[in-house]
């Protein structure tokens, strides 16, 4: 796995916000992300799983063990 996989994975910034009808500046509630992970739309489910992955990376890199 290359070191810059996130750059290739995040092509349409804000697309999850648009798909869930949440304004760009607002935080997406965890319950909506969990529900979107099991959506019938495969693109929406993939975006939600990526958001969950990136959230865990953010917490780990900011003060936690890497």
PDB file of N, CA and C in Angstrom:
ATOM      1  N   UNK A   1       0.847  -1.174   0.000  1.00  0.00           N
ATOM      2  CA  UNK A   1       0.000   0.000   0.000  1.00  0.00           C
ATOM      3  C   UNK A   1       0.890   1.235   0.000  1.00  0.00           C
ATOM      4  N   UNK A   2       0.602   2.172  -0.878  1.00  0.00           N
ATOM      5  CA  UNK A   2       1.414   3.375  -0.952  1.00  0.00           C
ATOM      6  C   UNK A   2       1.093   4.319   0.196  1.00  0.00           C
ATOM      7  N   UNK A   3       1.984   5.250   0.441  1.00  0.00           N
ATOM      8  CA  UNK A   3       1.822   6.166   1.562  1.00  0.00           C
ATOM      9  C   UNK A   3       0.785   7.248   1.321  1.00  0.00           C
ATOM     10  N   UNK A   4       0.409   7.520   0.066  1.00  0.00           N
ATOM     11  CA  UNK A   4      -0.525   8.608  -0.248  1.00  0.00           C
ATOM     12  C   UNK A   4      -1.858   8.085  -0.770  1.00  0.00           C
ATOM     13  N   UNK A   5      -2.371   7.021  -0.187  1.00  0.00           N
ATOM     14  CA  UNK A   5      -3.623   6.451  -0.680  1.00  0.00           C
ATOM     15  C   UNK A   5      -4.815   7.349  -0.391  1.00  0.00           C
ATOM     16  N   UNK A   6      -4.712   8.197   0.632  1.00  0.00           N
ATOM     17  CA  UNK A   6      -5.826   9.078   0.985  1.00  0.00           C
ATOM     18  C   UNK A   6      -6.043  10.118  -0.107  1.00  0.00           C
ATOM     19  N   UNK A   7      -4.970  10.620  -0.698  1.00  0.00           N
ATOM     20  CA  UNK A   7      -5.085  11.622  -1.755  1.00  0.00           C
ATOM     21  C   UNK A   7      -5.883  11.083  -2.938  1.00  0.00           C
ATOM     22  N   UNK A   8      -5.713   9.813  -3.266  1.00  0.00           N
ATOM     23  CA  UNK A   8      -6.467   9.216  -4.362  1.00  0.00           C
ATOM     24  C   UNK A   8      -7.876   8.830  -3.973  1.00  0.00           C
ATOM     25  N   UNK A   9      -8.106   8.610  -2.698  1.00  0.00           N
ATOM     26  CA  UNK A   9      -9.422   8.165  -2.242  1.00  0.00           C
ATOM     27  C   UNK A   9     -10.398   9.325  -2.099  1.00  0.00           C
ATOM     28  N   UNK A  10      -9.897  10.508  -1.785  1.00  0.00           N
ATOM     29  CA  UNK A  10     -10.758  11.670  -1.568  1.00  0.00           C
ATOM     30  C   UNK A  10     -10.708  12.530  -2.824  1.00  0.00           C
ATOM     31  N   UNK A  11     -11.581  12.216  -3.780  1.00  0.00           N
ATOM     32  CA  UNK A  11     -11.595  12.953  -5.041  1.00  0.00           C
ATOM     33  C   UNK A  11     -12.655  14.044  -5.044  1.00  0.00           C
ATOM     34  N   UNK A  12     -13.808  13.772  -4.475  1.00  0.00           N
ATOM     35  CA  UNK A  12     -14.910  14.739  -4.450  1.00  0.00           C
ATOM     36  C   UNK A  12     -15.171  15.168  -3.018  1.00  0.00           C
ATOM     37  N   UNK A  13     -14.438  16.175  -2.576  1.00  0.00           N
ATOM     38  CA  UNK A  13     -14.589  16.631  -1.204  1.00  0.00           C
ATOM     39  C   UNK A  13     -15.990  17.189  -0.990  1.00  0.00           C
ATOM     40  N   UNK A  14     -16.610  16.811   0.109  1.00  0.00           N
ATOM     41  CA  UNK A  14     -17.943  17.283   0.444  1.00  0.00           C
ATOM     42  C   UNK A  14     -19.064  16.458  -0.155  1.00  0.00           C
ATOM     43  N   UNK A  15     -18.755  15.394  -0.867  1.00  0.00           N
ATOM     44  CA  UNK A  15     -19.812  14.619  -1.516  1.00  0.00           C
ATOM     45  C   UNK A  15     -20.666  13.859  -0.507  1.00  0.00           C
ATOM     46  N   UNK A  16     -20.079  13.441   0.610  1.00  0.00           N
ATOM     47  CA  UNK A  16     -20.875  12.768   1.637  1.00  0.00           C
ATOM     48  C   UNK A  16     -21.843  13.760   2.281  1.00  0.00           C
ATOM     49  N   UNK A  17     -21.394  14.982   2.505  1.00  0.00           N
ATOM     50  CA  UNK A  17     -22.280  16.025   3.037  1.00  0.00           C
ATOM     51  C   UNK A  17     -23.454  16.246   2.085  1.00  0.00           C
ATOM     52  N   UNK A  18     -23.160  16.352   0.800  1.00  0.00           N
ATOM     53  CA  UNK A  18     -24.232  16.581  -0.183  1.00  0.00           C
ATOM     54  C   UNK A  18     -25.185  15.390  -0.246  1.00  0.00           C
ATOM     55  N   UNK A  19     -24.636  14.181  -0.173  1.00  0.00           N
ATOM     56  CA  UNK A  19     -25.482  12.986  -0.256  1.00  0.00           C
ATOM     57  C   UNK A  19     -26.416  12.866   0.942  1.00  0.00           C
ATOM     58  N   UNK A  20     -25.949  13.292   2.105  1.00  0.00           N
ATOM     59  CA  UNK A  20     -26.753  13.194   3.328  1.00  0.00           C
ATOM     60  C   UNK A  20     -27.553  14.468   3.605  1.00  0.00           C
ATOM     61  N   UNK A  21     -27.448  15.465   2.716  1.00  0.00           N
ATOM     62  CA  UNK A  21     -28.169  16.735   2.841  1.00  0.00           C
ATOM     63  C   UNK A  21     -27.823  17.448   4.147  1.00  0.00           C
ATOM     64  N   UNK A  22     -26.529  17.523   4.436  1.00  0.00           N
ATOM     65  CA  UNK A  22     -26.035  18.217   5.620  1.00  0.00           C
ATOM     66  C   UNK A  22     -25.163  19.363   5.124  1.00  0.00           C
ATOM     67  N   UNK A  23     -25.368  20.586   5.627  1.00  0.00           N
ATOM     68  CA  UNK A  23     -24.540  21.711   5.180  1.00  0.00           C
ATOM     69  C   UNK A  23     -23.054  21.451   5.395  1.00  0.00           C
ATOM     70  N   UNK A  24     -22.237  22.031   4.534  1.00  0.00           N
ATOM     71  CA  UNK A  24     -20.808  21.748   4.502  1.00  0.00           C
ATOM     72  C   UNK A  24     -20.101  22.043   5.826  1.00  0.00           C
ATOM     73  N   UNK A  25     -20.454  23.072   6.533  1.00  0.00           N
ATOM     74  CA  UNK A  25     -19.777  23.432   7.771  1.00  0.00           C
ATOM     75  C   UNK A  25     -20.188  22.607   8.976  1.00  0.00           C
ATOM     76  N   UNK A  26     -21.303  21.906   8.897  1.00  0.00           N
ATOM     77  CA  UNK A  26     -21.805  21.126  10.029  1.00  0.00           C
ATOM     78  C   UNK A  26     -21.117  19.766  10.109  1.00  0.00           C
ATOM     79  N   UNK A  27     -21.055  19.218  11.310  1.00  0.00           N
ATOM     80  CA  UNK A  27     -20.484  17.899  11.525  1.00  0.00           C
ATOM     81  C   UNK A  27     -21.555  16.845  11.230  1.00  0.00           C
ATOM     82  N   UNK A  28     -21.165  15.798  10.538  1.00  0.00           N
ATOM     83  CA  UNK A  28     -22.099  14.708  10.242  1.00  0.00           C
ATOM     84  C   UNK A  28     -22.229  13.858  11.500  1.00  0.00           C
ATOM     85  N   UNK A  29     -23.446  13.668  12.014  1.00  0.00           N
ATOM     86  CA  UNK A  29     -23.626  12.842  13.210  1.00  0.00           C
ATOM     87  C   UNK A  29     -23.185  11.394  12.960  1.00  0.00           C
ATOM     88  N   UNK A  30     -22.618  10.785  13.972  1.00  0.00           N
ATOM     89  CA  UNK A  30     -22.132   9.410  13.867  1.00  0.00           C
ATOM     90  C   UNK A  30     -23.263   8.459  13.482  1.00  0.00           C
ATOM     91  N   UNK A  31     -24.464   8.720  13.962  1.00  0.00           N
ATOM     92  CA  UNK A  31     -25.599   7.846  13.643  1.00  0.00           C
ATOM     93  C   UNK A  31     -25.910   7.855  12.145  1.00  0.00           C
ATOM     94  N   UNK A  32     -25.773   9.019  11.499  1.00  0.00           N
ATOM     95  CA  UNK A  32     -26.031   9.088  10.060  1.00  0.00           C
ATOM     96  C   UNK A  32     -24.946   8.379   9.269  1.00  0.00           C
ATOM     97  N   UNK A  33     -23.692   8.458   9.745  1.00  0.00           N
ATOM     98  CA  UNK A  33     -22.606   7.756   9.061  1.00  0.00           C
ATOM     99  C   UNK A  33     -22.816   6.253   9.171  1.00  0.00           C
ATOM    100  N   UNK A  34     -23.188   5.776  10.356  1.00  0.00           N
ATOM    101  CA  UNK A  34     -23.418   4.342  10.556  1.00  0.00           C
ATOM    102  C   UNK A  34     -24.579   3.853   9.680  1.00  0.00           C
ATOM    103  N   UNK A  35     -25.626   4.662   9.573  1.00  0.00           N
ATOM    104  CA  UNK A  35     -26.766   4.283   8.746  1.00  0.00           C
ATOM    105  C   UNK A  35     -26.384   4.285   7.266  1.00  0.00           C
ATOM    106  N   UNK A  36     -25.554   5.247   6.855  1.00  0.00           N
ATOM    107  CA  UNK A  36     -25.144   5.347   5.459  1.00  0.00           C
ATOM    108  C   UNK A  36     -24.200   4.204   5.069  1.00  0.00           C
ATOM    109  N   UNK A  37     -23.467   3.638   6.041  1.00  0.00           N
ATOM    110  CA  UNK A  37     -22.580   2.514   5.743  1.00  0.00           C
ATOM    111  C   UNK A  37     -23.355   1.302   5.233  1.00  0.00           C
ATOM    112  N   UNK A  38     -24.614   1.192   5.597  1.00  0.00           N
ATOM    113  CA  UNK A  38     -25.449   0.056   5.203  1.00  0.00           C
ATOM    114  C   UNK A  38     -26.500   0.464   4.172  1.00  0.00           C
ATOM    115  N   UNK A  39     -26.240   1.546   3.448  1.00  0.00           N
ATOM    116  CA  UNK A  39     -27.195   2.037   2.463  1.00  0.00           C
ATOM    117  C   UNK A  39     -27.241   1.110   1.247  1.00  0.00           C
ATOM    118  N   UNK A  40     -28.352   1.159   0.527  1.00  0.00           N
ATOM    119  CA  UNK A  40     -28.497   0.374  -0.702  1.00  0.00           C
ATOM    120  C   UNK A  40     -27.630   0.935  -1.825  1.00  0.00           C
ATOM    121  N   UNK A  41     -27.346   2.217  -1.767  1.00  0.00           N
ATOM    122  CA  UNK A  41     -26.497   2.861  -2.767  1.00  0.00           C
ATOM    123  C   UNK A  41     -25.035   2.515  -2.462  1.00  0.00           C
ATOM    124  N   UNK A  42     -24.352   1.762  -3.325  1.00  0.00           N
ATOM    125  CA  UNK A  42     -22.980   1.341  -3.019  1.00  0.00           C
ATOM    126  C   UNK A  42     -21.995   2.506  -2.933  1.00  0.00           C
ATOM    127  N   UNK A  43     -22.210   3.555  -3.707  1.00  0.00           N
ATOM    128  CA  UNK A  43     -21.300   4.709  -3.661  1.00  0.00           C
ATOM    129  C   UNK A  43     -21.414   5.433  -2.323  1.00  0.00           C
ATOM    130  N   UNK A  44     -22.645   5.590  -1.830  1.00  0.00           N
ATOM    131  CA  UNK A  44     -22.863   6.245  -0.538  1.00  0.00           C
ATOM    132  C   UNK A  44     -22.273   5.410   0.586  1.00  0.00           C
ATOM    133  N   UNK A  45     -22.445   4.104   0.526  1.00  0.00           N
ATOM    134  CA  UNK A  45     -21.899   3.226   1.558  1.00  0.00           C
ATOM    135  C   UNK A  45     -20.371   3.287   1.571  1.00  0.00           C
ATOM    136  N   UNK A  46     -19.773   3.351   0.406  1.00  0.00           N
ATOM    137  CA  UNK A  46     -18.314   3.416   0.315  1.00  0.00           C
ATOM    138  C   UNK A  46     -17.795   4.737   0.891  1.00  0.00           C
ATOM    139  N   UNK A  47     -18.483   5.834   0.609  1.00  0.00           N
ATOM    140  CA  UNK A  47     -18.091   7.137   1.151  1.00  0.00           C
ATOM    141  C   UNK A  47     -18.195   7.145   2.669  1.00  0.00           C
ATOM    142  N   UNK A  48     -19.243   6.529   3.195  1.00  0.00           N
ATOM    143  CA  UNK A  48     -19.433   6.489   4.643  1.00  0.00           C
ATOM    144  C   UNK A  48     -18.355   5.638   5.311  1.00  0.00           C
ATOM    145  N   UNK A  49     -17.992   4.509   4.711  1.00  0.00           N
ATOM    146  CA  UNK A  49     -16.922   3.680   5.271  1.00  0.00           C
ATOM    147  C   UNK A  49     -15.583   4.397   5.234  1.00  0.00           C
ATOM    148  N   UNK A  50     -15.337   5.157   4.175  1.00  0.00           N
ATOM    149  CA  UNK A  50     -14.103   5.931   4.091  1.00  0.00           C
ATOM    150  C   UNK A  50     -14.085   7.018   5.161  1.00  0.00           C
ATOM    151  N   UNK A  51     -15.217   7.670   5.390  1.00  0.00           N
ATOM    152  CA  UNK A  51     -15.292   8.696   6.428  1.00  0.00           C
ATOM    153  C   UNK A  51     -14.996   8.096   7.794  1.00  0.00           C
ATOM    154  N   UNK A  52     -15.508   6.907   8.041  1.00  0.00           N
ATOM    155  CA  UNK A  52     -15.256   6.223   9.307  1.00  0.00           C
ATOM    156  C   UNK A  52     -13.767   5.897   9.452  1.00  0.00           C
ATOM    157  N   UNK A  53     -13.143   5.441   8.384  1.00  0.00           N
ATOM    158  CA  UNK A  53     -11.714   5.122   8.409  1.00  0.00           C
ATOM    159  C   UNK A  53     -10.882   6.372   8.652  1.00  0.00           C
ATOM    160  N   UNK A  54     -11.200   7.445   7.947  1.00  0.00           N
ATOM    161  CA  UNK A  54     -10.433   8.682   8.097  1.00  0.00           C
ATOM    162  C   UNK A  54     -10.611   9.278   9.483  1.00  0.00           C
ATOM    163  N   UNK A  55     -11.783   9.112  10.065  1.00  0.00           N
ATOM    164  CA  UNK A  55     -12.011   9.612  11.421  1.00  0.00           C
ATOM    165  C   UNK A  55     -11.093   8.897  12.412  1.00  0.00           C
ATOM    166  N   UNK A  56     -10.941   7.593  12.275  1.00  0.00           N
ATOM    167  CA  UNK A  56     -10.068   6.845  13.181  1.00  0.00           C
ATOM    168  C   UNK A  56      -8.609   7.218  12.978  1.00  0.00           C
ATOM    169  N   UNK A  57      -8.196   7.485  11.750  1.00  0.00           N
ATOM    170  CA  UNK A  57      -6.824   7.908  11.495  1.00  0.00           C
ATOM    171  C   UNK A  57      -6.547   9.260  12.129  1.00  0.00           C
ATOM    172  N   UNK A  58      -7.516  10.153  12.064  1.00  0.00           N
ATOM    173  CA  UNK A  58      -7.357  11.497  12.629  1.00  0.00           C
ATOM    174  C   UNK A  58      -7.159  11.428  14.136  1.00  0.00           C
ATOM    175  N   UNK A  59      -7.931  10.607  14.808  1.00  0.00           N
ATOM    176  CA  UNK A  59      -7.816  10.491  16.264  1.00  0.00           C
ATOM    177  C   UNK A  59      -6.478   9.877  16.653  1.00  0.00           C
ATOM    178  N   UNK A  60      -6.026   8.908  15.892  1.00  0.00           N
ATOM    179  CA  UNK A  60      -4.788   8.212  16.227  1.00  0.00           C
ATOM    180  C   UNK A  60      -3.574   9.114  15.991  1.00  0.00           C
ATOM    181  N   UNK A  61      -3.595   9.936  14.953  1.00  0.00           N
ATOM    182  CA  UNK A  61      -2.444  10.780  14.628  1.00  0.00           C
ATOM    183  C   UNK A  61      -2.342  12.009  15.527  1.00  0.00           C
ATOM    184  N   UNK A  62      -3.412  12.409  16.159  1.00  0.00           N
ATOM    185  CA  UNK A  62      -3.389  13.595  17.011  1.00  0.00           C
ATOM    186  C   UNK A  62      -3.286  13.227  18.470  1.00  0.00           C
ATOM    187  N   UNK A  63      -2.132  12.749  18.881  1.00  0.00           N
ATOM    188  CA  UNK A  63      -1.897  12.502  20.286  1.00  0.00           C
ATOM    189  C   UNK A  63      -1.896  11.055  20.703  1.00  0.00           C
ATOM    190  N   UNK A  64      -2.481  10.172  19.898  1.00  0.00           N
ATOM    191  CA  UNK A  64      -2.532   8.767  20.245  1.00  0.00           C
ATOM    192  C   UNK A  64      -1.388   7.990  19.637  1.00  0.00           C
ATOM    193  N   UNK A  65      -1.252   6.742  19.978  1.00  0.00           N
ATOM    194  CA  UNK A  65      -0.179   5.931  19.389  1.00  0.00           C
ATOM    195  C   UNK A  65      -0.423   5.688  17.910  1.00  0.00           C
ATOM    196  N   UNK A  66       0.633   5.662  17.155  1.00  0.00           N
ATOM    197  CA  UNK A  66       0.504   5.466  15.707  1.00  0.00           C
ATOM    198  C   UNK A  66       0.767   4.039  15.336  1.00  0.00           C
TER     199      UNK A  66
END
